[in-house]
């Protein structure tokens, strides 16, 4: 008699959202499938880099959080690391892979 195999996605795994912490603020990252697909669609539409980053932050963090982060006026290296981190949290990819892809795209542009 063979055993039935089962993989369970319980409520805790489905409702669990990753978080981004900047200084004393914590922002929830929307990592749902449709949100990540929208993020990819924005990139494929060929928008300018700064518009893309703001659109992605609004999508993944919400408009208020994106505005709050923009108002922080982070140093560029910190901003880039934050953006890579948010993207990583949403997609589940390694931040190094995202950084490499971002740098490669900038060299090709």
PDB file of N, CA and C in Angstrom:
ATOM      1  N   UNK A   1       0.836  -1.171   0.000  1.00  0.00           N
ATOM      2  CA  UNK A   1       0.000   0.000   0.000  1.00  0.00           C
ATOM      3  C   UNK A   1       0.890   1.248   0.000  1.00  0.00           C
ATOM      4  N   UNK A   2       0.697   2.162  -0.929  1.00  0.00           N
ATOM      5  CA  UNK A   2       1.526   3.365  -0.988  1.00  0.00           C
ATOM      6  C   UNK A   2       0.912   4.481  -0.150  1.00  0.00           C
ATOM      7  N   UNK A   3       1.805   5.316   0.361  1.00  0.00           N
ATOM      8  CA  UNK A   3       1.351   6.441   1.174  1.00  0.00           C
ATOM      9  C   UNK A   3       1.007   7.623   0.280  1.00  0.00           C
ATOM     10  N   UNK A   4      -0.026   8.326   0.654  1.00  0.00           N
ATOM     11  CA  UNK A   4      -0.392   9.535  -0.063  1.00  0.00           C
ATOM     12  C   UNK A   4       0.542  10.655   0.367  1.00  0.00           C
ATOM     13  N   UNK A   5       1.067  11.372  -0.610  1.00  0.00           N
ATOM     14  CA  UNK A   5       1.948  12.498  -0.306  1.00  0.00           C
ATOM     15  C   UNK A   5       1.111  13.764  -0.267  1.00  0.00           C
ATOM     16  N   UNK A   6       1.489  14.633   0.626  1.00  0.00           N
ATOM     17  CA  UNK A   6       0.722  15.858   0.786  1.00  0.00           C
ATOM     18  C   UNK A   6       1.649  17.000   1.173  1.00  0.00           C
ATOM     19  N   UNK A   7       1.398  18.134   0.579  1.00  0.00           N
ATOM     20  CA  UNK A   7       2.074  19.372   0.946  1.00  0.00           C
ATOM     21  C   UNK A   7       1.005  20.329   1.449  1.00  0.00           C
ATOM     22  N   UNK A   8       1.226  20.904   2.605  1.00  0.00           N
ATOM     23  CA  UNK A   8       0.199  21.742   3.228  1.00  0.00           C
ATOM     24  C   UNK A   8       0.666  23.189   3.300  1.00  0.00           C
ATOM     25  N   UNK A   9      -0.163  24.081   2.788  1.00  0.00           N
ATOM     26  CA  UNK A   9       0.036  25.516   2.976  1.00  0.00           C
ATOM     27  C   UNK A   9      -1.006  25.956   3.990  1.00  0.00           C
ATOM     28  N   UNK A  10      -0.569  26.156   5.198  1.00  0.00           N
ATOM     29  CA  UNK A  10      -1.525  26.545   6.221  1.00  0.00           C
ATOM     30  C   UNK A  10      -1.727  28.058   6.236  1.00  0.00           C
ATOM     31  N   UNK A  11      -2.687  28.491   7.002  1.00  0.00           N
ATOM     32  CA  UNK A  11      -3.061  29.897   7.070  1.00  0.00           C
ATOM     33  C   UNK A  11      -1.871  30.777   7.466  1.00  0.00           C
ATOM     34  N   UNK A  12      -1.041  30.283   8.340  1.00  0.00           N
ATOM     35  CA  UNK A  12       0.121  31.048   8.782  1.00  0.00           C
ATOM     36  C   UNK A  12       1.082  31.348   7.648  1.00  0.00           C
ATOM     37  N   UNK A  13       1.325  30.382   6.775  1.00  0.00           N
ATOM     38  CA  UNK A  13       2.227  30.591   5.650  1.00  0.00           C
ATOM     39  C   UNK A  13       1.618  31.529   4.616  1.00  0.00           C
ATOM     40  N   UNK A  14       0.326  31.456   4.435  1.00  0.00           N
ATOM     41  CA  UNK A  14      -0.333  32.282   3.429  1.00  0.00           C
ATOM     42  C   UNK A  14      -0.442  33.732   3.889  1.00  0.00           C
ATOM     43  N   UNK A  15      -0.687  33.948   5.162  1.00  0.00           N
ATOM     44  CA  UNK A  15      -0.891  35.302   5.675  1.00  0.00           C
ATOM     45  C   UNK A  15       0.410  35.987   6.095  1.00  0.00           C
ATOM     46  N   UNK A  16       1.487  35.247   6.176  1.00  0.00           N
ATOM     47  CA  UNK A  16       2.764  35.795   6.606  1.00  0.00           C
ATOM     48  C   UNK A  16       3.342  36.691   5.515  1.00  0.00           C
ATOM     49  N   UNK A  17       3.654  37.946   5.872  1.00  0.00           N
ATOM     50  CA  UNK A  17       4.243  38.879   4.910  1.00  0.00           C
ATOM     51  C   UNK A  17       5.617  39.301   5.401  1.00  0.00           C
ATOM     52  N   UNK A  18       6.560  39.417   4.474  1.00  0.00           N
ATOM     53  CA  UNK A  18       7.891  39.885   4.867  1.00  0.00           C
ATOM     54  C   UNK A  18       7.838  41.367   5.249  1.00  0.00           C
ATOM     55  N   UNK A  19       8.854  41.800   5.973  1.00  0.00           N
ATOM     56  CA  UNK A  19       8.894  43.184   6.441  1.00  0.00           C
ATOM     57  C   UNK A  19      10.234  43.828   6.129  1.00  0.00           C
ATOM     58  N   UNK A  20      10.164  45.112   5.826  1.00  0.00           N
ATOM     59  CA  UNK A  20      11.344  45.947   5.620  1.00  0.00           C
ATOM     60  C   UNK A  20      11.446  46.877   6.815  1.00  0.00           C
ATOM     61  N   UNK A  21      12.627  46.944   7.421  1.00  0.00           N
ATOM     62  CA  UNK A  21      12.829  47.849   8.555  1.00  0.00           C
ATOM     63  C   UNK A  21      13.857  48.903   8.173  1.00  0.00           C
ATOM     64  N   UNK A  22      13.455  50.166   8.309  1.00  0.00           N
ATOM     65  CA  UNK A  22      14.359  51.297   8.078  1.00  0.00           C
ATOM     66  C   UNK A  22      14.322  52.141   9.346  1.00  0.00           C
ATOM     67  N   UNK A  23      15.472  52.219  10.000  1.00  0.00           N
ATOM     68  CA  UNK A  23      15.574  52.918  11.282  1.00  0.00           C
ATOM     69  C   UNK A  23      14.538  52.344  12.243  1.00  0.00           C
ATOM     70  N   UNK A  24      13.585  53.138  12.682  1.00  0.00           N
ATOM     71  CA  UNK A  24      12.600  52.640  13.637  1.00  0.00           C
ATOM     72  C   UNK A  24      11.261  52.319  12.993  1.00  0.00           C
ATOM     73  N   UNK A  25      11.197  52.308  11.680  1.00  0.00           N
ATOM     74  CA  UNK A  25       9.952  52.063  10.947  1.00  0.00           C
ATOM     75  C   UNK A  25       9.967  50.669  10.331  1.00  0.00           C
ATOM     76  N   UNK A  26       8.818  50.015  10.378  1.00  0.00           N
ATOM     77  CA  UNK A  26       8.664  48.694   9.765  1.00  0.00           C
ATOM     78  C   UNK A  26       7.559  48.787   8.732  1.00  0.00           C
ATOM     79  N   UNK A  27       7.863  48.319   7.518  1.00  0.00           N
ATOM     80  CA  UNK A  27       6.920  48.344   6.409  1.00  0.00           C
ATOM     81  C   UNK A  27       6.657  46.915   5.956  1.00  0.00           C
ATOM     82  N   UNK A  28       5.387  46.558   5.781  1.00  0.00           N
ATOM     83  CA  UNK A  28       5.025  45.240   5.254  1.00  0.00           C
ATOM     84  C   UNK A  28       5.207  45.239   3.740  1.00  0.00           C
ATOM     85  N   UNK A  29       5.768  44.157   3.219  1.00  0.00           N
ATOM     86  CA  UNK A  29       6.012  44.012   1.786  1.00  0.00           C
ATOM     87  C   UNK A  29       4.965  43.070   1.210  1.00  0.00           C
ATOM     88  N   UNK A  30       4.282  43.528   0.180  1.00  0.00           N
ATOM     89  CA  UNK A  30       3.262  42.717  -0.492  1.00  0.00           C
ATOM     90  C   UNK A  30       3.964  41.771  -1.458  1.00  0.00           C
ATOM     91  N   UNK A  31       3.980  40.496  -1.121  1.00  0.00           N
ATOM     92  CA  UNK A  31       4.675  39.507  -1.954  1.00  0.00           C
ATOM     93  C   UNK A  31       3.700  38.534  -2.622  1.00  0.00           C
ATOM     94  N   UNK A  32       2.451  38.982  -2.799  1.00  0.00           N
ATOM     95  CA  UNK A  32       1.475  38.113  -3.449  1.00  0.00           C
ATOM     96  C   UNK A  32       1.800  37.974  -4.943  1.00  0.00           C
ATOM     97  N   UNK A  33       1.390  36.886  -5.526  1.00  0.00           N
ATOM     98  CA  UNK A  33       1.711  36.557  -6.913  1.00  0.00           C
ATOM     99  C   UNK A  33       1.301  37.680  -7.865  1.00  0.00           C
ATOM    100  N   UNK A  34       0.078  38.166  -7.758  1.00  0.00           N
ATOM    101  CA  UNK A  34      -0.390  39.195  -8.687  1.00  0.00           C
ATOM    102  C   UNK A  34       0.395  40.489  -8.553  1.00  0.00           C
ATOM    103  N   UNK A  35       0.828  40.805  -7.343  1.00  0.00           N
ATOM    104  CA  UNK A  35       1.629  42.010  -7.131  1.00  0.00           C
ATOM    105  C   UNK A  35       2.984  41.871  -7.805  1.00  0.00           C
ATOM    106  N   UNK A  36       3.614  40.727  -7.652  1.00  0.00           N
ATOM    107  CA  UNK A  36       4.923  40.496  -8.273  1.00  0.00           C
ATOM    108  C   UNK A  36       4.792  40.496  -9.797  1.00  0.00           C
ATOM    109  N   UNK A  37       3.701  39.968 -10.323  1.00  0.00           N
ATOM    110  CA  UNK A  37       3.464  40.007 -11.772  1.00  0.00           C
ATOM    111  C   UNK A  37       3.307  41.442 -12.255  1.00  0.00           C
ATOM    112  N   UNK A  38       2.616  42.270 -11.479  1.00  0.00           N
ATOM    113  CA  UNK A  38       2.467  43.688 -11.835  1.00  0.00           C
ATOM    114  C   UNK A  38       3.821  44.385 -11.836  1.00  0.00           C
ATOM    115  N   UNK A  39       4.683  44.011 -10.887  1.00  0.00           N
ATOM    116  CA  UNK A  39       6.026  44.576 -10.824  1.00  0.00           C
ATOM    117  C   UNK A  39       6.795  44.250 -12.103  1.00  0.00           C
ATOM    118  N   UNK A  40       6.697  43.003 -12.558  1.00  0.00           N
ATOM    119  CA  UNK A  40       7.370  42.590 -13.797  1.00  0.00           C
ATOM    120  C   UNK A  40       6.781  43.334 -14.996  1.00  0.00           C
ATOM    121  N   UNK A  41       5.491  43.558 -14.981  1.00  0.00           N
ATOM    122  CA  UNK A  41       4.840  44.271 -16.087  1.00  0.00           C
ATOM    123  C   UNK A  41       5.331  45.715 -16.168  1.00  0.00           C
ATOM    124  N   UNK A  42       5.487  46.354 -15.020  1.00  0.00           N
ATOM    125  CA  UNK A  42       5.997  47.727 -14.998  1.00  0.00           C
ATOM    126  C   UNK A  42       7.371  47.775 -15.653  1.00  0.00           C
ATOM    127  N   UNK A  43       8.223  46.823 -15.325  1.00  0.00           N
ATOM    128  CA  UNK A  43       9.575  46.770 -15.895  1.00  0.00           C
ATOM    129  C   UNK A  43       9.524  46.570 -17.409  1.00  0.00           C
ATOM    130  N   UNK A  44       8.623  45.719 -17.874  1.00  0.00           N
ATOM    131  CA  UNK A  44       8.544  45.429 -19.304  1.00  0.00           C
ATOM    132  C   UNK A  44       7.974  46.601 -20.102  1.00  0.00           C
ATOM    133  N   UNK A  45       7.317  47.539 -19.424  1.00  0.00           N
ATOM    134  CA  UNK A  45       6.760  48.700 -20.110  1.00  0.00           C
ATOM    135  C   UNK A  45       7.823  49.737 -20.443  1.00  0.00           C
ATOM    136  N   UNK A  46       9.042  49.531 -19.976  1.00  0.00           N
ATOM    137  CA  UNK A  46      10.162  50.383 -20.342  1.00  0.00           C
ATOM    138  C   UNK A  46      10.130  51.772 -19.723  1.00  0.00           C
ATOM    139  N   UNK A  47       9.617  51.898 -18.511  1.00  0.00           N
ATOM    140  CA  UNK A  47       9.595  53.201 -17.850  1.00  0.00           C
ATOM    141  C   UNK A  47      11.004  53.580 -17.411  1.00  0.00           C
ATOM    142  N   UNK A  48      11.219  54.862 -17.193  1.00  0.00           N
ATOM    143  CA  UNK A  48      12.519  55.342 -16.724  1.00  0.00           C
ATOM    144  C   UNK A  48      12.840  54.724 -15.365  1.00  0.00           C
ATOM    145  N   UNK A  49      14.127  54.603 -15.064  1.00  0.00           N
ATOM    146  CA  UNK A  49      14.578  53.910 -13.850  1.00  0.00           C
ATOM    147  C   UNK A  49      13.984  54.502 -12.575  1.00  0.00           C
ATOM    148  N   UNK A  50      14.033  55.838 -12.425  1.00  0.00           N
ATOM    149  CA  UNK A  50      13.520  56.432 -11.190  1.00  0.00           C
ATOM    150  C   UNK A  50      12.004  56.269 -11.084  1.00  0.00           C
ATOM    151  N   UNK A  51      11.296  56.334 -12.209  1.00  0.00           N
ATOM    152  CA  UNK A  51       9.854  56.105 -12.206  1.00  0.00           C
ATOM    153  C   UNK A  51       9.554  54.645 -11.865  1.00  0.00           C
ATOM    154  N   UNK A  52      10.365  53.740 -12.389  1.00  0.00           N
ATOM    155  CA  UNK A  52      10.200  52.312 -12.109  1.00  0.00           C
ATOM    156  C   UNK A  52      10.354  52.043 -10.620  1.00  0.00           C
ATOM    157  N   UNK A  53      11.410  52.588 -10.020  1.00  0.00           N
ATOM    158  CA  UNK A  53      11.659  52.348  -8.601  1.00  0.00           C
ATOM    159  C   UNK A  53      10.506  52.866  -7.751  1.00  0.00           C
ATOM    160  N   UNK A  54      10.024  54.068  -8.034  1.00  0.00           N
ATOM    161  CA  UNK A  54       8.911  54.622  -7.260  1.00  0.00           C
ATOM    162  C   UNK A  54       7.635  53.810  -7.465  1.00  0.00           C
ATOM    163  N   UNK A  55       7.383  53.386  -8.701  1.00  0.00           N
ATOM    164  CA  UNK A  55       6.189  52.580  -8.980  1.00  0.00           C
ATOM    165  C   UNK A  55       6.252  51.246  -8.243  1.00  0.00           C
ATOM    166  N   UNK A  56       7.418  50.635  -8.220  1.00  0.00           N
ATOM    167  CA  UNK A  56       7.588  49.352  -7.527  1.00  0.00           C
ATOM    168  C   UNK A  56       7.408  49.526  -6.023  1.00  0.00           C
ATOM    169  N   UNK A  57       7.980  50.581  -5.463  1.00  0.00           N
ATOM    170  CA  UNK A  57       7.819  50.812  -4.026  1.00  0.00           C
ATOM    171  C   UNK A  57       6.357  51.065  -3.671  1.00  0.00           C
ATOM    172  N   UNK A  58       5.645  51.840  -4.501  1.00  0.00           N
ATOM    173  CA  UNK A  58       4.210  52.065  -4.248  1.00  0.00           C
ATOM    174  C   UNK A  58       3.443  50.751  -4.306  1.00  0.00           C
ATOM    175  N   UNK A  59       3.800  49.916  -5.255  1.00  0.00           N
ATOM    176  CA  UNK A  59       3.127  48.634  -5.430  1.00  0.00           C
ATOM    177  C   UNK A  59       3.405  47.682  -4.257  1.00  0.00           C
ATOM    178  N   UNK A  60       4.674  47.552  -3.876  1.00  0.00           N
ATOM    179  CA  UNK A  60       5.061  46.571  -2.863  1.00  0.00           C
ATOM    180  C   UNK A  60       4.838  47.045  -1.427  1.00  0.00           C
ATOM    181  N   UNK A  61       4.928  48.354  -1.200  1.00  0.00           N
ATOM    182  CA  UNK A  61       4.831  48.879   0.162  1.00  0.00           C
ATOM    183  C   UNK A  61       3.578  49.716   0.405  1.00  0.00           C
ATOM    184  N   UNK A  62       2.968  50.196  -0.663  1.00  0.00           N
ATOM    185  CA  UNK A  62       1.832  51.101  -0.542  1.00  0.00           C
ATOM    186  C   UNK A  62       2.290  52.536  -0.776  1.00  0.00           C
ATOM    187  N   UNK A  63       1.376  53.378  -1.211  1.00  0.00           N
ATOM    188  CA  UNK A  63       1.694  54.756  -1.574  1.00  0.00           C
ATOM    189  C   UNK A  63       2.235  55.553  -0.385  1.00  0.00           C
ATOM    190  N   UNK A  64       1.620  55.402   0.779  1.00  0.00           N
ATOM    191  CA  UNK A  64       2.063  56.164   1.955  1.00  0.00           C
ATOM    192  C   UNK A  64       3.483  55.794   2.353  1.00  0.00           C
ATOM    193  N   UNK A  65       3.791  54.511   2.362  1.00  0.00           N
ATOM    194  CA  UNK A  65       5.134  54.061   2.730  1.00  0.00           C
ATOM    195  C   UNK A  65       6.163  54.525   1.700  1.00  0.00           C
ATOM    196  N   UNK A  66       5.814  54.457   0.427  1.00  0.00           N
ATOM    197  CA  UNK A  66       6.739  54.906  -0.619  1.00  0.00           C
ATOM    198  C   UNK A  66       7.022  56.397  -0.479  1.00  0.00           C
ATOM    199  N   UNK A  67       5.993  57.179  -0.165  1.00  0.00           N
ATOM    200  CA  UNK A  67       6.166  58.622   0.042  1.00  0.00           C
ATOM    201  C   UNK A  67       7.036  58.884   1.267  1.00  0.00           C
ATOM    202  N   UNK A  68       6.807  58.133   2.330  1.00  0.00           N
ATOM    203  CA  UNK A  68       7.595  58.293   3.559  1.00  0.00           C
ATOM    204  C   UNK A  68       9.066  57.972   3.309  1.00  0.00           C
ATOM    205  N   UNK A  69       9.332  56.920   2.567  1.00  0.00           N
ATOM    206  CA  UNK A  69      10.718  56.545   2.268  1.00  0.00           C
ATOM    207  C   UNK A  69      11.370  57.599   1.386  1.00  0.00           C
ATOM    208  N   UNK A  70      10.650  58.116   0.408  1.00  0.00           N
ATOM    209  CA  UNK A  70      11.194  59.166  -0.452  1.00  0.00           C
ATOM    210  C   UNK A  70      11.553  60.400   0.378  1.00  0.00           C
ATOM    211  N   UNK A  71      10.722  60.719   1.372  1.00  0.00           N
ATOM    212  CA  UNK A  71      10.964  61.881   2.227  1.00  0.00           C
ATOM    213  C   UNK A  71      12.188  61.689   3.124  1.00  0.00           C
ATOM    214  N   UNK A  72      12.603  60.442   3.351  1.00  0.00           N
ATOM    215  CA  UNK A  72      13.791  60.177   4.166  1.00  0.00           C
ATOM    216  C   UNK A  72      15.059  60.660   3.468  1.00  0.00           C
ATOM    217  N   UNK A  73      15.001  60.799   2.140  1.00  0.00           N
ATOM    218  CA  UNK A  73      16.143  61.256   1.349  1.00  0.00           C
ATOM    219  C   UNK A  73      17.404  60.470   1.717  1.00  0.00           C
ATOM    220  N   UNK A  74      17.301  59.150   1.610  1.00  0.00           N
ATOM    221  CA  UNK A  74      18.393  58.251   1.972  1.00  0.00           C
ATOM    222  C   UNK A  74      19.616  58.489   1.087  1.00  0.00           C
ATOM    223  N   UNK A  75      20.805  58.242   1.606  1.00  0.00           N
ATOM    224  CA  UNK A  75      21.990  58.256   0.748  1.00  0.00           C
ATOM    225  C   UNK A  75      21.810  57.197  -0.360  1.00  0.00           C
ATOM    226  N   UNK A  76      22.340  57.474  -1.529  1.00  0.00           N
ATOM    227  CA  UNK A  76      22.136  56.587  -2.677  1.00  0.00           C
ATOM    228  C   UNK A  76      22.499  55.128  -2.392  1.00  0.00           C
ATOM    229  N   UNK A  77      23.659  54.829  -1.791  1.00  0.00           N
ATOM    230  CA  UNK A  77      23.964  53.416  -1.527  1.00  0.00           C
ATOM    231  C   UNK A  77      22.918  52.752  -0.627  1.00  0.00           C
ATOM    232  N   UNK A  78      22.436  53.470   0.379  1.00  0.00           N
ATOM    233  CA  UNK A  78      21.411  52.917   1.266  1.00  0.00           C
ATOM    234  C   UNK A  78      20.095  52.728   0.521  1.00  0.00           C
ATOM    235  N   UNK A  79      19.749  53.685  -0.339  1.00  0.00           N
ATOM    236  CA  UNK A  79      18.514  53.588  -1.118  1.00  0.00           C
ATOM    237  C   UNK A  79      18.556  52.369  -2.037  1.00  0.00           C
ATOM    238  N   UNK A  80      19.681  52.189  -2.724  1.00  0.00           N
ATOM    239  CA  UNK A  80      19.815  51.043  -3.634  1.00  0.00           C
ATOM    240  C   UNK A  80      19.734  49.723  -2.872  1.00  0.00           C
ATOM    241  N   UNK A  81      20.365  49.667  -1.706  1.00  0.00           N
ATOM    242  CA  UNK A  81      20.305  48.456  -0.892  1.00  0.00           C
ATOM    243  C   UNK A  81      18.873  48.198  -0.422  1.00  0.00           C
ATOM    244  N   UNK A  82      18.162  49.265  -0.036  1.00  0.00           N
ATOM    245  CA  UNK A  82      16.768  49.137   0.392  1.00  0.00           C
ATOM    246  C   UNK A  82      15.913  48.614  -0.757  1.00  0.00           C
ATOM    247  N   UNK A  83      16.114  49.184  -1.959  1.00  0.00           N
ATOM    248  CA  UNK A  83      15.316  48.760  -3.109  1.00  0.00           C
ATOM    249  C   UNK A  83      15.576  47.295  -3.449  1.00  0.00           C
ATOM    250  N   UNK A  84      16.832  46.905  -3.435  1.00  0.00           N
ATOM    251  CA  UNK A  84      17.171  45.500  -3.680  1.00  0.00           C
ATOM    252  C   UNK A  84      16.553  44.602  -2.614  1.00  0.00           C
ATOM    253  N   UNK A  85      16.574  45.062  -1.367  1.00  0.00           N
ATOM    254  CA  UNK A  85      15.997  44.285  -0.281  1.00  0.00           C
ATOM    255  C   UNK A  85      14.496  44.109  -0.423  1.00  0.00           C
ATOM    256  N   UNK A  86      13.800  45.183  -0.772  1.00  0.00           N
ATOM    257  CA  UNK A  86      12.339  45.115  -0.965  1.00  0.00           C
ATOM    258  C   UNK A  86      12.008  44.158  -2.102  1.00  0.00           C
ATOM    259  N   UNK A  87      12.734  44.293  -3.200  1.00  0.00           N
ATOM    260  CA  UNK A  87      12.505  43.418  -4.344  1.00  0.00           C
ATOM    261  C   UNK A  87      12.776  41.968  -3.972  1.00  0.00           C
ATOM    262  N   UNK A  88      13.834  41.752  -3.219  1.00  0.00           N
ATOM    263  CA  UNK A  88      14.182  40.407  -2.758  1.00  0.00           C
ATOM    264  C   UNK A  88      13.092  39.822  -1.870  1.00  0.00           C
ATOM    265  N   UNK A  89      12.575  40.630  -0.957  1.00  0.00           N
ATOM    266  CA  UNK A  89      11.512  40.158  -0.073  1.00  0.00           C
ATOM    267  C   UNK A  89      10.251  39.796  -0.848  1.00  0.00           C
ATOM    268  N   UNK A  90       9.965  40.554  -1.894  1.00  0.00           N
ATOM    269  CA  UNK A  90       8.754  40.304  -2.680  1.00  0.00           C
ATOM    270  C   UNK A  90       8.879  39.055  -3.544  1.00  0.00           C
ATOM    271  N   UNK A  91      10.044  38.853  -4.137  1.00  0.00           N
ATOM    272  CA  UNK A  91      10.209  37.767  -5.105  1.00  0.00           C
ATOM    273  C   UNK A  91      10.789  36.490  -4.503  1.00  0.00           C
ATOM    274  N   UNK A  92      11.427  36.616  -3.337  1.00  0.00           N
ATOM    275  CA  UNK A  92      12.084  35.457  -2.743  1.00  0.00           C
ATOM    276  C   UNK A  92      13.462  35.200  -3.325  1.00  0.00           C
ATOM    277  N   UNK A  93      13.924  36.084  -4.194  1.00  0.00           N
ATOM    278  CA  UNK A  93      15.252  35.938  -4.782  1.00  0.00           C
ATOM    279  C   UNK A  93      16.316  36.423  -3.806  1.00  0.00           C
ATOM    280  N   UNK A  94      17.529  36.004  -4.059  1.00  0.00           N
ATOM    281  CA  UNK A  94      18.672  36.450  -3.286  1.00  0.00           C
ATOM    282  C   UNK A  94      18.994  37.897  -3.680  1.00  0.00           C
ATOM    283  N   UNK A  95      19.225  38.786  -2.721  1.00  0.00           N
ATOM    284  CA  UNK A  95      19.558  40.182  -3.053  1.00  0.00           C
ATOM    285  C   UNK A  95      20.755  40.311  -3.987  1.00  0.00           C
ATOM    286  N   UNK A  96      21.715  39.388  -3.889  1.00  0.00           N
ATOM    287  CA  UNK A  96      22.887  39.413  -4.775  1.00  0.00           C
ATOM    288  C   UNK A  96      22.474  39.236  -6.236  1.00  0.00           C
ATOM    289  N   UNK A  97      21.527  38.329  -6.487  1.00  0.00           N
ATOM    290  CA  UNK A  97      21.046  38.104  -7.851  1.00  0.00           C
ATOM    291  C   UNK A  97      20.368  39.358  -8.387  1.00  0.00           C
ATOM    292  N   UNK A  98      19.588  39.999  -7.552  1.00  0.00           N
ATOM    293  CA  UNK A  98      18.896  41.224  -7.963  1.00  0.00           C
ATOM    294  C   UNK A  98      19.909  42.317  -8.265  1.00  0.00           C
ATOM    295  N   UNK A  99      20.912  42.466  -7.414  1.00  0.00           N
ATOM    296  CA  UNK A  99      21.952  43.473  -7.617  1.00  0.00           C
ATOM    297  C   UNK A  99      22.690  43.213  -8.928  1.00  0.00           C
ATOM    298  N   UNK A 100      23.051  41.962  -9.189  1.00  0.00           N
ATOM    299  CA  UNK A 100      23.759  41.629 -10.424  1.00  0.00           C
ATOM    300  C   UNK A 100      22.913  41.944 -11.652  1.00  0.00           C
ATOM    301  N   UNK A 101      21.628  41.587 -11.605  1.00  0.00           N
ATOM    302  CA  UNK A 101      20.732  41.850 -12.729  1.00  0.00           C
ATOM    303  C   UNK A 101      20.561  43.354 -12.947  1.00  0.00           C
ATOM    304  N   UNK A 102      20.441  44.100 -11.863  1.00  0.00           N
ATOM    305  CA  UNK A 102      20.282  45.550 -11.928  1.00  0.00           C
ATOM    306  C   UNK A 102      21.518  46.185 -12.553  1.00  0.00           C
ATOM    307  N   UNK A 103      22.705  45.774 -12.114  1.00  0.00           N
ATOM    308  CA  UNK A 103      23.949  46.315 -12.658  1.00  0.00           C
ATOM    309  C   UNK A 103      24.124  45.951 -14.130  1.00  0.00           C
ATOM    310  N   UNK A 104      23.745  44.736 -14.498  1.00  0.00           N
ATOM    311  CA  UNK A 104      23.846  44.312 -15.892  1.00  0.00           C
ATOM    312  C   UNK A 104      22.912  45.136 -16.767  1.00  0.00           C
ATOM    313  N   UNK A 105      21.696  45.384 -16.299  1.00  0.00           N
ATOM    314  CA  UNK A 105      20.740  46.183 -17.063  1.00  0.00           C
ATOM    315  C   UNK A 105      21.234  47.614 -17.232  1.00  0.00           C
ATOM    316  N   UNK A 106      21.875  48.162 -16.210  1.00  0.00           N
ATOM    317  CA  UNK A 106      22.400  49.527 -16.292  1.00  0.00           C
ATOM    318  C   UNK A 106      23.558  49.623 -17.280  1.00  0.00           C
ATOM    319  N   UNK A 107      24.373  48.575 -17.369  1.00  0.00           N
ATOM    320  CA  UNK A 107      25.495  48.572 -18.321  1.00  0.00           C
ATOM    321  C   UNK A 107      24.977  48.479 -19.752  1.00  0.00           C
ATOM    322  N   UNK A 108      23.898  47.751 -19.954  1.00  0.00           N
ATOM    323  CA  UNK A 108      23.340  47.596 -21.295  1.00  0.00           C
ATOM    324  C   UNK A 108      22.597  48.829 -21.754  1.00  0.00           C
ATOM    325  N   UNK A 109      22.149  49.654 -20.808  1.00  0.00           N
ATOM    326  CA  UNK A 109      21.358  50.841 -21.153  1.00  0.00           C
ATOM    327  C   UNK A 109      22.213  51.967 -21.691  1.00  0.00           C
TER     328      UNK A 109
END
